[in-house]
Protein backbone atom coordinates (compact mmCIF):
# COMPACT_ATOMS: atom_id res chain seq x y z
CA MET A 1 -21.15 4.64 -13.22
CA HIS A 2 -22.97 3.13 -10.47
CA ASP A 3 -26.84 3.00 -10.40
CA LEU A 4 -27.16 3.95 -6.74
CA LEU A 5 -24.94 5.68 -3.94
CA ILE A 6 -26.05 5.94 -0.49
CA ARG A 7 -23.57 8.33 0.72
CA GLY A 8 -22.13 8.78 4.61
CA ALA A 9 -24.69 6.21 5.99
CA THR A 10 -24.14 4.33 9.40
CA VAL A 11 -24.33 0.73 7.46
CA HIS A 12 -25.50 -2.66 9.68
CA ASP A 13 -24.29 -5.31 7.47
CA GLY A 14 -26.92 -7.98 8.65
CA LEU A 15 -24.21 -10.34 9.91
CA GLY A 16 -23.66 -8.95 13.23
CA SER A 17 -20.53 -6.70 12.68
CA ALA A 18 -19.87 -3.61 14.10
CA ALA A 19 -21.86 -0.39 12.46
CA ALA A 20 -19.21 1.72 10.27
CA SER A 21 -19.84 4.74 8.28
CA ALA A 22 -19.67 4.05 4.70
CA ASP A 23 -20.97 4.58 1.35
CA VAL A 24 -22.99 1.73 -0.62
CA ALA A 25 -22.83 1.66 -4.17
CA VAL A 26 -25.68 -0.06 -6.47
CA ARG A 27 -25.20 -1.50 -9.84
CA ALA A 28 -27.78 -3.74 -11.89
CA GLY A 29 -30.03 -4.54 -8.50
CA ARG A 30 -26.62 -5.83 -6.72
CA ILE A 31 -24.25 -4.38 -3.96
CA VAL A 32 -21.09 -3.68 -6.12
CA ALA A 33 -19.21 -1.88 -3.48
CA VAL A 34 -18.92 -1.02 0.33
CA GLY A 35 -16.54 2.06 1.30
CA SER A 36 -15.74 5.16 0.18
CA GLY A 37 -14.32 6.99 -2.74
CA LEU A 38 -16.67 4.93 -4.94
CA GLY A 39 -17.45 7.13 -7.57
CA ALA A 40 -20.00 8.58 -9.70
CA ALA A 41 -23.41 7.48 -9.93
CA ARG A 42 -27.04 8.20 -11.65
CA GLN A 43 -28.71 8.77 -8.19
CA THR A 44 -27.22 9.79 -5.17
CA VAL A 45 -28.60 10.09 -1.69
CA ASP A 46 -26.85 12.05 1.06
CA ALA A 47 -28.02 9.44 3.86
CA GLY A 48 -26.52 12.19 6.54
CA GLY A 49 -25.34 9.94 9.27
CA LEU A 50 -28.82 7.78 9.17
CA ALA A 51 -28.93 3.97 9.73
CA LEU A 52 -28.53 1.44 6.67
CA MET A 53 -29.54 -2.13 6.80
CA PRO A 54 -30.62 -4.87 4.83
CA GLY A 55 -34.43 -4.76 3.99
CA ILE A 56 -36.44 -6.76 6.69
CA VAL A 57 -37.13 -10.95 5.89
CA ASP A 58 -41.11 -11.34 7.25
CA THR A 59 -41.36 -14.98 7.35
CA HIS A 60 -44.59 -15.26 8.72
CA THR A 61 -47.15 -13.69 6.28
CA HIS A 62 -50.38 -14.60 4.59
CA TYR A 63 -50.32 -12.32 1.36
CA ASP A 64 -50.94 -15.28 -0.96
CA ALA A 65 -54.29 -14.13 -1.99
CA GLN A 66 -53.78 -10.40 -1.67
CA ILE A 67 -50.78 -10.55 -3.89
CA THR A 68 -52.87 -11.40 -6.92
CA TRP A 69 -54.64 -8.10 -6.68
CA ASP A 70 -52.01 -6.19 -5.02
CA PRO A 71 -48.37 -6.50 -6.09
CA MET A 72 -47.03 -4.29 -3.66
CA ALA A 73 -48.21 -6.64 -0.82
CA ASN A 74 -49.10 -3.07 1.18
CA PRO A 75 -48.24 -1.80 3.41
CA SER A 76 -45.31 -4.28 4.29
CA PRO A 77 -42.90 -2.26 1.76
CA SER A 78 -43.65 0.61 3.66
CA MET A 79 -42.14 -0.75 7.06
CA GLY A 80 -38.96 -1.64 5.79
CA VAL A 81 -40.01 -5.47 4.44
CA THR A 82 -38.22 -6.60 1.32
CA THR A 83 -38.63 -10.46 1.06
CA LEU A 84 -42.22 -11.93 2.56
CA ILE A 85 -42.58 -15.52 3.35
CA MET A 86 -46.07 -16.59 2.08
CA GLY A 87 -48.38 -19.65 2.89
CA ASN A 88 -47.76 -20.23 6.40
CA CYS A 89 -49.93 -22.45 8.73
CA GLY A 90 -50.74 -24.13 5.18
CA PHE A 91 -53.26 -21.22 4.50
CA THR A 92 -52.41 -20.81 0.81
CA ILE A 93 -54.60 -20.82 -2.58
CA ALA A 94 -52.69 -22.96 -4.82
CA PRO A 95 -53.22 -25.92 -5.45
CA CYS A 96 -56.84 -25.15 -5.96
CA ARG A 97 -59.41 -26.15 -8.57
CA PRO A 98 -62.14 -24.05 -9.79
CA GLU A 99 -64.83 -25.94 -7.96
CA ASP A 100 -63.05 -25.56 -5.15
CA ARG A 101 -62.29 -21.70 -4.93
CA ASP A 102 -65.56 -20.89 -3.07
CA LEU A 103 -64.62 -23.13 0.18
CA VAL A 104 -61.24 -22.12 0.12
CA MET A 105 -62.39 -18.37 0.17
CA ARG A 106 -64.77 -18.78 2.82
CA ASN A 107 -62.15 -20.32 5.02
CA LEU A 108 -59.71 -17.65 4.95
CA THR A 109 -62.64 -15.61 5.14
CA HIS A 110 -62.98 -17.05 9.02
CA VAL A 111 -59.62 -18.18 9.80
CA GLU A 112 -57.35 -15.42 8.68
CA GLY A 113 -60.07 -12.54 8.97
CA MET A 114 -60.58 -11.55 5.45
CA SER A 115 -63.63 -9.89 3.53
CA LEU A 116 -65.08 -12.45 1.00
CA GLU A 117 -65.98 -9.98 -1.36
CA SER A 118 -62.93 -8.74 -1.20
CA LEU A 119 -61.69 -11.91 -2.30
CA ARG A 120 -64.34 -13.03 -4.56
CA GLN A 121 -63.69 -9.43 -6.21
CA GLY A 122 -59.59 -9.27 -5.86
CA ILE A 123 -58.36 -13.03 -6.43
CA ARG A 124 -56.90 -13.62 -10.13
CA TRP A 125 -57.59 -17.10 -10.52
CA ASP A 126 -54.80 -17.78 -13.25
CA PHE A 127 -53.70 -20.88 -12.14
CA GLN A 128 -54.92 -24.46 -10.57
CA SER A 129 -51.23 -25.76 -9.64
CA PHE A 130 -48.98 -24.68 -7.09
CA ALA A 131 -46.44 -23.93 -10.23
CA GLU A 132 -48.66 -21.97 -12.19
CA TYR A 133 -49.73 -19.85 -9.23
CA LEU A 134 -45.77 -19.05 -9.01
CA ASP A 135 -45.76 -18.89 -12.72
CA MET A 136 -48.66 -16.16 -12.42
CA LEU A 137 -46.58 -14.08 -10.15
CA GLU A 138 -43.86 -14.11 -12.25
CA ARG A 139 -45.81 -13.16 -14.91
CA ARG A 140 -47.51 -10.08 -13.25
CA GLY A 141 -45.11 -8.97 -10.99
CA VAL A 142 -44.11 -8.53 -7.65
CA GLY A 143 -43.24 -5.44 -5.13
CA PRO A 144 -41.16 -7.17 -2.86
CA ASN A 145 -39.49 -10.71 -3.10
CA VAL A 146 -41.61 -13.22 -1.87
CA ALA A 147 -41.41 -16.85 -1.31
CA CYS A 148 -44.19 -19.22 -1.13
CA PHE A 149 -44.91 -22.58 1.08
CA VAL A 150 -47.11 -24.88 -0.40
CA GLY A 151 -49.96 -25.60 2.31
CA HIS A 152 -51.39 -28.14 3.65
CA SER A 153 -55.01 -27.66 3.46
CA SER A 154 -54.79 -26.80 0.29
CA ILE A 155 -53.51 -29.71 -0.92
CA ARG A 156 -55.65 -31.74 1.14
CA THR A 157 -58.46 -29.81 -0.40
CA PHE A 158 -57.45 -30.56 -3.35
CA VAL A 159 -57.23 -34.41 -3.17
CA LEU A 160 -59.71 -34.83 -1.08
CA GLY A 161 -62.39 -31.94 -1.96
CA ALA A 162 -65.65 -31.10 0.35
CA ASP A 163 -64.41 -34.38 2.86
CA ALA A 164 -61.06 -32.41 3.34
CA PRO A 165 -61.92 -31.40 6.75
CA ARG A 166 -64.38 -33.92 8.05
CA ARG A 167 -62.06 -37.03 8.02
CA ALA A 168 -58.33 -38.51 7.33
CA ALA A 169 -57.05 -39.43 4.36
CA THR A 170 -56.41 -42.99 2.58
CA PRO A 171 -52.99 -44.23 1.37
CA GLU A 172 -53.94 -43.58 -1.80
CA GLU A 173 -54.79 -39.94 -0.92
CA VAL A 174 -51.56 -39.20 1.15
CA ALA A 175 -49.63 -40.92 -1.29
CA ARG A 176 -51.42 -37.84 -4.29
CA MET A 177 -50.85 -35.62 -1.77
CA ARG A 178 -47.00 -36.09 -0.95
CA SER A 179 -46.30 -36.11 -5.09
CA ILE A 180 -48.07 -32.64 -5.22
CA VAL A 181 -45.62 -31.65 -2.10
CA VAL A 182 -42.82 -32.89 -4.15
CA ASP A 183 -43.95 -31.51 -7.86
CA ALA A 184 -44.37 -27.72 -5.76
CA MET A 185 -41.12 -28.27 -4.10
CA ARG A 186 -39.46 -28.65 -7.15
CA ALA A 187 -41.47 -25.87 -9.12
CA GLY A 188 -40.41 -23.10 -6.38
CA ALA A 189 -41.82 -23.71 -2.63
CA VAL A 190 -39.69 -23.02 0.04
CA GLY A 191 -41.18 -25.55 2.12
CA PHE A 192 -44.33 -27.29 3.29
CA SER A 193 -46.69 -25.47 5.95
CA THR A 194 -49.62 -26.99 8.06
CA THR A 195 -51.16 -26.14 11.29
CA THR A 196 -52.90 -28.51 13.86
CA SER A 197 -54.03 -25.12 16.34
CA GLY A 198 -57.37 -25.68 17.70
CA GLN A 199 -57.74 -21.91 16.99
CA HIS A 200 -57.71 -22.71 13.15
CA ASN A 201 -61.25 -23.06 11.82
CA GLY A 202 -62.64 -22.18 8.95
CA GLU A 203 -66.44 -21.25 7.83
CA ASN A 204 -69.09 -22.58 10.37
CA GLY A 205 -66.52 -23.77 13.06
CA ILE A 206 -65.18 -26.40 10.84
CA PRO A 207 -61.55 -27.37 11.26
CA MET A 208 -59.25 -26.16 8.60
CA PRO A 209 -58.14 -29.47 6.61
CA SER A 210 -54.81 -29.80 8.18
CA ARG A 211 -56.03 -30.51 11.41
CA LEU A 212 -58.02 -33.77 10.17
CA ALA A 213 -54.67 -35.41 9.37
CA ASP A 214 -53.28 -38.58 11.13
CA LYS A 215 -49.68 -39.26 12.34
CA ALA A 216 -49.12 -41.36 8.74
CA GLU A 217 -50.36 -38.25 6.76
CA MET A 218 -47.97 -35.43 8.53
CA GLU A 219 -45.17 -38.43 8.43
CA ALA A 220 -45.33 -39.02 4.43
CA LEU A 221 -45.73 -35.08 3.89
CA CYS A 222 -43.44 -33.69 5.54
CA GLY A 223 -40.95 -36.90 5.21
CA SER A 224 -41.44 -35.78 1.62
CA LEU A 225 -39.49 -33.02 1.76
CA ARG A 226 -36.06 -35.29 1.66
CA ASP A 227 -36.82 -36.18 -1.84
CA VAL A 228 -35.67 -33.15 -2.89
CA GLY A 229 -33.02 -32.09 -0.41
CA ARG A 230 -34.13 -28.71 0.63
CA GLY A 231 -36.87 -26.43 2.11
CA VAL A 232 -38.35 -25.72 5.29
CA LEU A 233 -40.92 -27.04 7.20
CA MET A 234 -42.96 -24.85 9.02
CA ILE A 235 -46.23 -25.56 11.28
CA THR A 236 -48.56 -23.58 13.84
CA LYS A 237 -48.90 -25.92 16.67
CA GLY A 238 -51.49 -27.02 18.97
CA THR A 239 -51.41 -27.70 22.50
CA ALA A 240 -51.42 -31.68 22.10
CA THR A 241 -48.76 -31.19 19.33
CA SER A 242 -45.35 -32.08 20.88
CA VAL A 243 -42.15 -30.38 19.97
CA PRO A 244 -40.48 -33.87 20.54
CA TRP A 245 -42.84 -35.03 17.55
CA LEU A 246 -41.85 -32.88 15.49
CA GLU A 247 -38.46 -33.18 15.97
CA GLU A 248 -39.17 -36.53 14.85
CA LEU A 249 -40.41 -35.15 11.84
CA SER A 250 -37.85 -32.98 11.15
CA ALA A 251 -35.30 -36.06 11.49
CA LEU A 252 -37.46 -37.88 9.10
CA SER A 253 -37.02 -35.05 6.62
CA GLY A 254 -33.78 -34.16 7.35
CA ARG A 255 -35.13 -30.53 6.74
CA PRO A 256 -35.15 -27.52 9.60
CA PHE A 257 -38.92 -27.35 11.41
CA ILE A 258 -39.89 -23.61 12.09
CA VAL A 259 -42.32 -24.13 15.58
CA ALA A 260 -44.84 -21.54 15.68
CA ALA A 261 -46.43 -19.60 17.29
CA LEU A 262 -44.62 -18.91 20.52
CA LEU A 263 -46.56 -16.20 22.28
CA HIS A 264 -46.74 -15.45 26.19
CA SER A 265 -49.42 -16.34 28.11
CA ASN A 266 -49.50 -14.90 31.49
CA MET A 267 -51.96 -17.59 32.51
CA ALA A 268 -49.55 -20.56 31.37
CA PRO A 269 -46.00 -18.52 31.98
CA GLU A 270 -43.70 -21.16 31.30
CA ALA A 271 -45.21 -22.95 28.47
CA THR A 272 -43.53 -21.04 25.45
CA PHE A 273 -40.28 -22.02 27.55
CA GLU A 274 -40.90 -25.19 27.36
CA ASP A 275 -40.93 -25.31 23.66
CA LEU A 276 -38.14 -23.33 23.69
CA GLY A 277 -35.84 -25.23 25.73
CA ASN A 278 -37.42 -28.30 24.06
CA ILE A 279 -36.17 -26.64 20.74
CA GLY A 280 -32.90 -26.12 21.96
CA ALA A 281 -32.57 -29.88 23.14
CA ALA A 282 -33.26 -30.86 19.56
CA CYS A 283 -30.85 -28.38 18.00
CA ARG A 284 -27.94 -29.82 20.08
CA ARG A 285 -28.76 -33.37 19.00
CA GLY A 286 -28.50 -32.12 15.38
CA HIS A 287 -31.52 -31.33 14.10
CA ARG A 288 -32.39 -27.66 12.91
CA MET A 289 -35.63 -26.23 14.82
CA TYR A 290 -36.31 -22.55 15.15
CA GLY A 291 -38.97 -21.58 17.48
CA ALA A 292 -41.25 -18.59 15.97
CA VAL A 293 -41.84 -15.61 18.48
CA ALA A 294 -43.17 -12.41 18.21
CA CYS A 295 -42.16 -8.93 19.42
CA THR A 296 -45.16 -7.46 20.24
CA PRO A 297 -48.43 -7.83 21.99
CA LEU A 298 -51.05 -9.48 20.41
CA VAL A 299 -53.81 -6.97 20.12
CA PHE A 300 -57.15 -7.76 18.60
CA GLU A 301 -59.85 -5.57 17.63
CA PHE A 302 -63.17 -7.44 17.48
CA THR A 303 -67.20 -7.01 17.33
CA MET A 304 -69.37 -10.33 18.49
CA HIS A 305 -70.01 -10.72 14.79
CA GLU A 306 -66.74 -12.13 14.60
CA PRO A 307 -65.60 -13.27 18.04
CA TYR A 308 -62.18 -14.66 16.77
CA VAL A 309 -60.81 -14.47 20.69
CA PHE A 310 -63.17 -17.02 21.77
CA GLU A 311 -62.89 -19.39 19.00
CA GLY A 312 -60.50 -21.55 20.27
CA LEU A 313 -63.04 -22.57 23.26
CA ALA A 314 -64.64 -26.11 22.54
CA SER A 315 -67.66 -24.28 24.74
CA TRP A 316 -67.59 -22.31 21.84
CA GLN A 317 -68.14 -24.24 18.83
CA PRO A 318 -72.11 -24.32 18.74
CA ALA A 319 -71.91 -20.25 18.06
CA MET A 320 -69.99 -20.45 15.00
CA ALA A 321 -71.84 -22.41 12.92
CA LEU A 322 -74.76 -19.84 13.59
CA HIS A 323 -75.27 -16.60 12.15
CA GLY A 324 -78.12 -13.85 12.62
CA GLU A 325 -81.12 -13.99 15.05
CA ALA A 326 -79.89 -17.78 15.66
CA VAL A 327 -76.67 -16.62 17.39
CA LYS A 328 -78.35 -14.01 19.37
CA THR A 329 -80.29 -16.31 21.04
CA LEU A 330 -77.42 -18.57 21.39
CA TYR A 331 -75.86 -15.73 23.34
CA HIS A 332 -78.73 -14.97 25.49
CA ASP A 333 -79.32 -18.88 26.39
CA PRO A 334 -77.62 -18.98 29.98
CA ALA A 335 -76.45 -22.87 29.17
CA PHE A 336 -74.10 -21.57 26.71
CA ARG A 337 -72.98 -18.87 28.99
CA ALA A 338 -72.48 -21.05 31.69
CA GLY A 339 -70.31 -23.64 29.59
CA VAL A 340 -68.18 -20.74 28.28
CA LYS A 341 -67.40 -19.50 31.63
CA SER A 342 -66.43 -22.91 33.50
CA GLU A 343 -64.14 -23.54 30.20
CA LEU A 344 -62.66 -19.97 31.00
CA ALA A 345 -62.15 -20.72 34.61
CA GLN A 346 -59.32 -23.25 33.92
CA ARG A 347 -56.21 -22.19 32.39
CA GLY A 348 -54.81 -23.39 29.22
CA ARG A 349 -52.75 -22.72 26.40
CA ARG A 350 -54.78 -20.97 24.17
CA LEU A 351 -55.37 -17.34 22.81
CA PHE A 352 -57.63 -16.04 25.47
CA ASN A 353 -57.22 -17.29 29.13
CA GLY A 354 -59.97 -14.74 31.15
CA GLU A 355 -57.92 -11.79 31.38
CA TRP A 356 -60.52 -9.30 31.29
CA ASP A 357 -58.75 -6.61 32.61
CA LYS A 358 -57.04 -6.52 28.69
CA ILE A 359 -60.42 -6.21 26.82
CA PHE A 360 -61.67 -2.75 26.78
CA VAL A 361 -64.83 -1.18 24.93
CA ARG A 362 -62.95 0.51 22.11
CA GLN A 363 -66.13 1.97 20.76
CA ALA A 364 -69.56 1.72 21.45
CA ALA A 365 -72.38 1.54 19.01
CA ARG A 366 -75.01 3.85 20.93
CA PRO A 367 -73.92 6.73 22.17
CA VAL A 368 -75.81 5.93 25.39
CA HIS A 369 -72.92 3.35 26.00
CA ALA A 370 -69.92 6.22 25.28
CA ASP A 371 -69.09 6.47 28.81
CA ARG A 372 -68.24 2.46 28.61
CA GLU A 373 -65.31 3.50 25.89
CA GLY A 374 -61.75 2.90 26.92
CA MET A 375 -62.89 0.83 30.36
CA PRO A 376 -61.92 -2.57 30.54
CA LEU A 377 -64.66 -5.33 30.69
CA SER A 378 -63.17 -6.36 34.48
CA THR A 379 -64.39 -2.88 35.78
CA LEU A 380 -67.08 -2.32 34.14
CA ALA A 381 -68.74 -5.86 35.29
CA ALA A 382 -67.74 -5.37 38.74
CA ALA A 383 -69.06 -2.10 38.98
CA ARG A 384 -72.76 -4.08 37.45
CA GLY A 385 -71.92 -7.06 39.55
CA VAL A 386 -72.21 -9.61 36.85
CA HIS A 387 -69.28 -11.97 35.21
CA PRO A 388 -67.70 -10.15 32.49
CA MET A 389 -68.52 -12.84 29.85
CA ASP A 390 -72.23 -11.91 30.85
CA TYR A 391 -71.34 -8.09 30.69
CA LEU A 392 -69.79 -8.64 27.17
CA LEU A 393 -72.60 -10.44 25.78
CA ASP A 394 -75.05 -8.12 27.07
CA LEU A 395 -73.44 -4.85 25.64
CA SER A 396 -73.09 -6.74 22.64
CA LEU A 397 -76.59 -7.68 22.08
CA ASP A 398 -77.89 -4.38 23.10
CA GLU A 399 -76.12 -2.79 20.42
CA ASP A 400 -77.20 -5.33 17.69
CA LEU A 401 -73.08 -6.75 17.97
CA ASP A 402 -71.99 -3.95 16.58
CA THR A 403 -69.63 -3.00 20.00
CA LEU A 404 -66.15 -2.76 19.08
CA PHE A 405 -63.97 -4.09 21.21
CA THR A 406 -59.65 -4.24 21.65
CA ALA A 407 -58.03 -7.16 23.34
CA THR A 408 -54.67 -7.67 24.49
CA LEU A 409 -54.76 -11.59 24.66
CA LEU A 410 -50.69 -12.88 24.44
CA ASN A 411 -47.30 -11.16 24.92
CA SER A 412 -48.45 -8.15 27.42
CA ASP A 413 -45.54 -9.14 29.97
CA GLU A 414 -42.74 -7.17 28.71
CA ASP A 415 -40.04 -9.07 30.71
CA ALA A 416 -41.45 -12.19 29.37
CA VAL A 417 -41.21 -11.33 25.84
CA GLY A 418 -37.84 -10.06 25.95
CA ARG A 419 -36.56 -13.31 27.50
CA MET A 420 -38.36 -14.75 24.34
CA LEU A 421 -36.79 -12.47 21.98
CA ALA A 422 -33.23 -12.98 23.32
CA ASP A 423 -33.48 -16.84 23.56
CA GLU A 424 -30.74 -18.25 20.80
CA HIS A 425 -33.37 -20.66 19.29
CA SER A 426 -36.09 -18.54 18.75
CA MET A 427 -36.79 -16.87 15.10
CA LEU A 428 -38.47 -13.05 15.30
CA SER A 429 -41.58 -13.79 13.31
CA LEU A 430 -45.52 -14.06 13.56
CA SER A 431 -46.59 -10.24 11.80
CA ASP A 432 -49.15 -12.38 10.52
CA ALA A 433 -49.40 -9.65 7.86
CA GLY A 434 -52.07 -10.06 4.93
CA ALA A 435 -54.77 -11.58 7.21
CA HIS A 436 -56.60 -10.89 10.28
CA LEU A 437 -56.83 -7.56 8.70
CA THR A 438 -60.21 -6.39 10.35
CA PHE A 439 -58.64 -7.42 13.83
CA LEU A 440 -54.71 -6.22 13.99
CA CYS A 441 -51.93 -4.91 11.75
CA ASP A 442 -48.20 -5.98 13.15
CA ALA A 443 -46.32 -5.45 9.53
CA GLY A 444 -44.77 -2.79 11.24
CA PHE A 445 -42.86 -5.77 13.65
CA GLY A 446 -39.58 -5.05 12.57
CA LEU A 447 -39.91 -1.33 13.00
CA HIS A 448 -41.12 -2.23 16.46
CA PHE A 449 -38.37 -4.47 17.36
CA LEU A 450 -35.81 -1.61 16.17
CA GLY A 451 -37.78 1.09 18.62
CA HIS A 452 -39.25 -0.12 20.97
CA TRP A 453 -36.81 -3.33 21.81
CA VAL A 454 -33.22 -2.00 20.70
CA ARG A 455 -33.69 1.97 21.15
CA ASP A 456 -36.22 2.32 24.20
CA ARG A 457 -35.63 -0.51 26.24
CA GLN A 458 -31.66 -2.27 24.76
CA LEU A 459 -32.54 -5.64 24.86
CA MET A 460 -29.65 -6.61 22.51
CA PRO A 461 -27.08 -4.47 20.71
CA ILE A 462 -28.73 -3.25 17.31
CA GLU A 463 -26.10 -5.20 15.04
CA GLN A 464 -27.86 -8.09 16.74
CA ALA A 465 -31.36 -7.20 16.05
CA VAL A 466 -30.60 -6.38 12.67
CA ARG A 467 -28.92 -9.78 12.08
CA GLN A 468 -32.39 -11.07 13.64
CA MET A 469 -34.57 -9.43 10.84
CA THR A 470 -32.24 -9.92 8.06
CA SER A 471 -29.36 -12.54 7.16
CA TYR A 472 -30.34 -15.09 9.94
CA PRO A 473 -34.06 -15.65 8.93
CA ALA A 474 -32.83 -15.29 4.90
CA ASP A 475 -29.85 -18.28 6.21
CA ALA A 476 -32.38 -20.14 7.94
CA PHE A 477 -34.94 -20.44 4.48
CA GLY A 478 -31.93 -20.67 2.13
CA ILE A 479 -32.51 -17.86 0.63
CA ARG A 480 -29.49 -16.85 -1.37
CA ASP A 481 -27.34 -13.21 -1.68
CA ARG A 482 -30.49 -11.12 0.70
CA GLY A 483 -30.04 -10.48 4.28
CA ARG A 484 -26.85 -8.62 4.21
CA ILE A 485 -25.19 -5.53 3.14
CA VAL A 486 -21.76 -7.22 1.17
CA GLU A 487 -20.33 -7.10 -2.12
CA GLY A 488 -22.14 -8.87 -4.89
CA ALA A 489 -26.17 -9.32 -2.41
CA CYS A 490 -29.10 -8.32 -3.79
CA ALA A 491 -29.49 -4.30 -2.85
CA ASP A 492 -32.78 -4.57 -0.26
CA LEU A 493 -32.15 -1.96 1.49
CA LEU A 494 -33.70 0.18 4.80
CA LEU A 495 -32.79 3.33 5.28
CA PHE A 496 -33.87 4.66 8.78
CA ASP A 497 -33.37 6.89 11.74
CA PRO A 498 -32.53 4.87 15.10
CA ALA A 499 -33.68 7.64 16.88
CA THR A 500 -37.33 7.84 16.07
CA VAL A 501 -38.10 4.25 14.45
CA GLY A 502 -41.24 2.50 15.16
CA ARG A 503 -44.74 2.31 13.86
CA GLY A 504 -47.37 4.67 14.23
CA GLN A 505 -51.36 3.91 15.95
CA ALA A 506 -53.78 1.69 13.93
CA ARG A 507 -55.87 2.97 12.14
CA ARG A 508 -58.96 1.64 10.07
CA VAL A 509 -58.72 2.17 5.88
CA TYR A 510 -60.94 0.92 3.70
CA ASP A 511 -58.56 0.21 0.50
CA LEU A 512 -59.36 -3.27 0.06
CA PRO A 513 -61.83 -4.47 -3.14
CA ALA A 514 -65.54 -3.75 -2.32
CA GLY A 515 -64.56 -1.22 0.10
CA ALA A 516 -63.48 -3.45 2.64
CA SER A 517 -61.50 -2.42 5.64
CA ARG A 518 -58.61 -3.54 7.30
CA LEU A 519 -56.03 -1.53 10.04
CA HIS A 520 -52.88 -0.17 9.10
CA THR A 521 -49.85 1.33 11.56
CA PRO A 522 -47.67 4.09 9.58
CA SER A 523 -43.97 3.65 9.55
CA ILE A 524 -42.01 6.36 11.30
CA GLY A 525 -38.40 7.27 11.18
CA VAL A 526 -38.20 5.38 7.45
CA HIS A 527 -36.41 7.39 5.06
CA ALA A 528 -36.06 4.99 2.12
CA VAL A 529 -36.46 1.41 0.82
CA TRP A 530 -35.04 -0.32 -2.13
CA ILE A 531 -35.88 -3.74 -3.31
CA ASN A 532 -33.02 -4.89 -6.23
CA GLY A 533 -32.02 -1.47 -6.26
CA VAL A 534 -35.27 0.38 -7.20
CA GLN A 535 -36.70 3.22 -4.48
CA VAL A 536 -40.46 1.80 -3.66
CA ALA A 537 -41.15 3.71 -0.51
CA ASP A 538 -39.77 6.82 1.82
CA ASP A 539 -40.94 8.42 4.81
CA GLU A 540 -44.46 8.86 3.39
CA GLY A 541 -44.98 5.63 2.53
CA ILE A 542 -44.91 3.42 -0.67
CA PHE A 543 -44.78 5.31 -3.93
CA PRO A 544 -47.99 5.67 -5.88
CA GLU A 545 -46.72 4.35 -9.29
CA ALA A 546 -43.95 2.02 -7.64
CA PRO A 547 -42.76 -0.38 -9.95
CA ASN A 548 -42.77 -4.26 -9.37
CA ALA A 549 -39.44 -4.81 -8.41
CA GLY A 550 -39.17 -7.78 -6.47
CA ARG A 551 -38.41 -11.22 -7.33
CA VAL A 552 -40.51 -14.65 -6.94
CA LEU A 553 -37.99 -16.67 -5.29
CA ARG A 554 -37.62 -20.58 -6.51
CA GLU A 555 -34.27 -21.81 -6.03
CA PHE A 556 -32.86 -22.01 -2.62
CA ALA A 557 -29.79 -23.44 -1.00
CA ALA A 558 -30.04 -26.95 0.50
């Protein structure tokens, strides 16, 4: 007898095959039959013509800290995600010495928009090495399946300590870091991740450690994957990091390279397509490379207490080391304002390029300013006859920096985004789930893709879209037996209504340790989610007592 029988579903197998009405039988966590007349089961679900697809593989998450206190990695499973890749951009919490824990948490607080008190109260530090971190996850259990990068910044901090974000490493230190990468890969890491992005700063504006790595260090660490013969490289690249150089690193390691974050900017409209073109050229030369792209507009909520939007600007660096009254004094300074406005007048490949019509007052802190809510800064500033930067700072200062703004920063040109998503060398990615919790929530990127891009805009056939979120990333990362509905595959499944699928409006919830808040977008059209054959969510979200049905993935195809 089967454990589970899903009857009468429109099955999308994740491999791009034409959809077909079929029953799917599951036993011991695996799919044992797809067809009709499959016999009896302990539990039968009448799909009633709903669509059944493999669970979504989210390749760009930052649940490394949260999963130690929240094994379910809320809210991703409610969004149809059954497998997570964690540790992107080099921002991991393992390896970590006890004396470096506070430094690591403070950096995550800044670079990934996490509450310091949540991290301090929540993280369970039952590990030091990367292997011990994976062992801890296995002992405690995980809700979704998880695969973990070993992260460059954590390795650098483990070897260099407080010097990690301040100087180049010596040859001896590089050798020690290289040994840690190899050991982590042999313990079950999915690959090695890093960043060179100028937007990635730790506490007080100090660069994240990996940004201090020189060419020799990058070559040594990326090249170490050749020693183990498997694994994936991942980078969030800065403006000075070229795709041809990353191709050299891919060739040196003999491994695939995921290049992030390829988002479209209206101020540099061809930049992302140039990167995708170079990635395509590399692939034609036999080097496996993927451009990580997003299907969602990059929308941030922020206040001037934490102005992540502006922190990629060189002129903003003096503000990043200041707090309280000191930063307010700087915000008043005409010279500081002039420097920021001058830099914004020059186009560049960065998070914000001066599109003031895309920054809105979301919520005023004082009732006297309530009439400004929902209005763009461009309009408000023009009515006052001032520069939008001055308007933003003046309003914020008048409200003790508590004014809440919403900014649509990148991916606002839907025709351009559609062109990126359709590129054969792109990988649908960049949810950032588990990070930037106070700024955004794109954990439901897959539901948005199915609803907005596939159903509403008809960018591509649904069979192709399902493949883009399932078997395609699973194969790229060497994840065996997932991302497909075929006999023998693991029973990671998403049952949904194609006519309604999507994600709801963002709302703020207060469910993190220490009562800290995060943004959440509820799922729409999701009827059931199974992980290894165990149902963990339905149309109301994750079950309150959902079992930890996931697996810590430690073995990958070469």
